[in-house]
């Protein structure tokens, strides 16, 4: 069964271009881990008025990308991104799940 997940995160001021650059060069091991974990159709959108990132992904199974924090590659990615995003003490991005209120298949 495919789950549709959405969440929001926040960039630090002046960091959108660096965020784009880093994601354009997403590490091959991160891509492989996401695919292996059942994450697909992963998109991230940016709202410049609020510095908010809106993420959407489809997931086979129970875990989305935000649930992979036990993986070494994910921990390194979080550390790499921590200087440009709002993060938790463990360097994971502050991620707020969003509730689906409408879906048109």
Protein backbone atom coordinates (compact mmCIF):
# COMPACT_ATOMS: atom_id res chain seq x y z
CA UNK A 1 0.00 0.00 0.00
CA UNK A 2 1.31 3.43 -0.94
CA UNK A 3 1.09 6.23 1.62
CA UNK A 4 1.18 9.89 0.62
CA UNK A 5 3.14 11.93 3.15
CA UNK A 6 3.64 15.68 3.39
CA UNK A 7 5.62 17.75 5.86
CA UNK A 8 7.14 21.17 6.21
CA UNK A 9 10.61 22.33 7.20
CA UNK A 10 12.26 25.73 7.31
CA UNK A 11 15.36 27.24 5.75
CA UNK A 12 17.57 29.84 7.35
CA UNK A 13 17.49 33.26 5.63
CA UNK A 14 19.59 33.53 2.48
CA UNK A 15 20.06 29.77 2.07
CA UNK A 16 17.67 28.78 -0.73
CA UNK A 17 20.32 28.73 -3.47
CA UNK A 18 22.65 26.61 -1.36
CA UNK A 19 19.76 24.28 -0.54
CA UNK A 20 19.02 23.92 -4.26
CA UNK A 21 22.71 23.31 -5.03
CA UNK A 22 23.06 20.59 -2.40
CA UNK A 23 19.92 18.79 -3.51
CA UNK A 24 20.90 19.00 -7.17
CA UNK A 25 23.98 17.00 -6.14
CA UNK A 26 22.17 14.60 -3.79
CA UNK A 27 24.57 11.84 -2.82
CA UNK A 28 24.00 8.60 -4.77
CA UNK A 29 23.91 6.66 -1.48
CA UNK A 30 21.03 8.86 -0.27
CA UNK A 31 19.09 8.30 -3.50
CA UNK A 32 19.64 4.56 -3.22
CA UNK A 33 18.62 4.50 0.46
CA UNK A 34 15.42 6.42 -0.21
CA UNK A 35 14.48 4.13 -3.10
CA UNK A 36 15.38 1.00 -1.10
CA UNK A 37 13.22 2.29 1.77
CA UNK A 38 10.21 2.66 -0.54
CA UNK A 39 10.26 6.45 -0.93
CA UNK A 40 9.25 7.71 -4.39
CA UNK A 41 7.74 10.76 -6.05
CA UNK A 42 9.62 12.91 -3.55
CA UNK A 43 9.22 16.63 -4.22
CA UNK A 44 10.20 19.66 -2.17
CA UNK A 45 8.72 23.12 -2.80
CA UNK A 46 9.85 26.46 -1.37
CA UNK A 47 7.77 29.41 -0.11
CA UNK A 48 10.05 32.48 -0.20
CA UNK A 49 7.67 34.57 1.93
CA UNK A 50 8.02 32.25 4.94
CA UNK A 51 11.26 30.34 4.11
CA UNK A 52 9.12 27.20 4.43
CA UNK A 53 9.91 24.02 2.53
CA UNK A 54 6.93 21.82 1.69
CA UNK A 55 7.82 18.19 1.05
CA UNK A 56 5.67 15.49 -0.52
CA UNK A 57 6.54 11.84 -0.97
CA UNK A 58 4.91 8.54 -1.63
CA UNK A 59 6.00 5.63 0.54
CA UNK A 60 5.65 1.87 0.20
CA UNK A 61 5.35 0.63 3.76
CA UNK A 62 5.44 2.47 7.04
CA UNK A 63 8.56 4.66 6.91
CA UNK A 64 9.04 7.97 5.14
CA UNK A 65 12.33 9.75 4.67
CA UNK A 66 12.04 11.44 8.07
CA UNK A 67 12.01 8.02 9.76
CA UNK A 68 15.45 6.96 8.48
CA UNK A 69 17.51 8.74 11.14
CA UNK A 70 19.13 5.51 12.28
CA UNK A 71 20.95 5.24 8.95
CA UNK A 72 24.55 6.51 8.92
CA UNK A 73 24.14 8.20 5.53
CA UNK A 74 21.07 10.08 6.78
CA UNK A 75 22.92 11.28 9.87
CA UNK A 76 25.76 12.57 7.68
CA UNK A 77 23.22 14.30 5.37
CA UNK A 78 21.56 15.96 8.35
CA UNK A 79 24.92 17.23 9.60
CA UNK A 80 25.69 18.51 6.08
CA UNK A 81 22.39 20.40 5.91
CA UNK A 82 22.31 21.71 9.51
CA UNK A 83 23.98 25.02 8.70
CA UNK A 84 21.20 26.08 6.31
CA UNK A 85 18.05 24.67 7.95
CA UNK A 86 16.28 24.83 11.28
CA UNK A 87 17.24 21.59 13.04
CA UNK A 88 16.70 19.60 16.23
CA UNK A 89 19.54 18.92 18.71
CA UNK A 90 20.36 15.65 16.85
CA UNK A 91 20.71 17.75 13.63
CA UNK A 92 17.56 16.24 12.07
CA UNK A 93 15.52 18.91 10.31
CA UNK A 94 12.63 20.26 12.30
CA UNK A 95 9.88 18.55 10.36
CA UNK A 96 6.18 19.09 10.93
CA UNK A 97 3.86 16.45 9.44
CA UNK A 98 0.90 17.81 7.51
CA UNK A 99 -2.56 16.25 7.51
CA UNK A 100 -4.17 15.41 4.19
CA UNK A 101 -7.49 17.21 3.85
CA UNK A 102 -8.21 16.59 0.16
CA UNK A 103 -7.11 14.08 -2.46
CA UNK A 104 -8.16 13.74 -6.08
CA UNK A 105 -6.80 10.46 -7.48
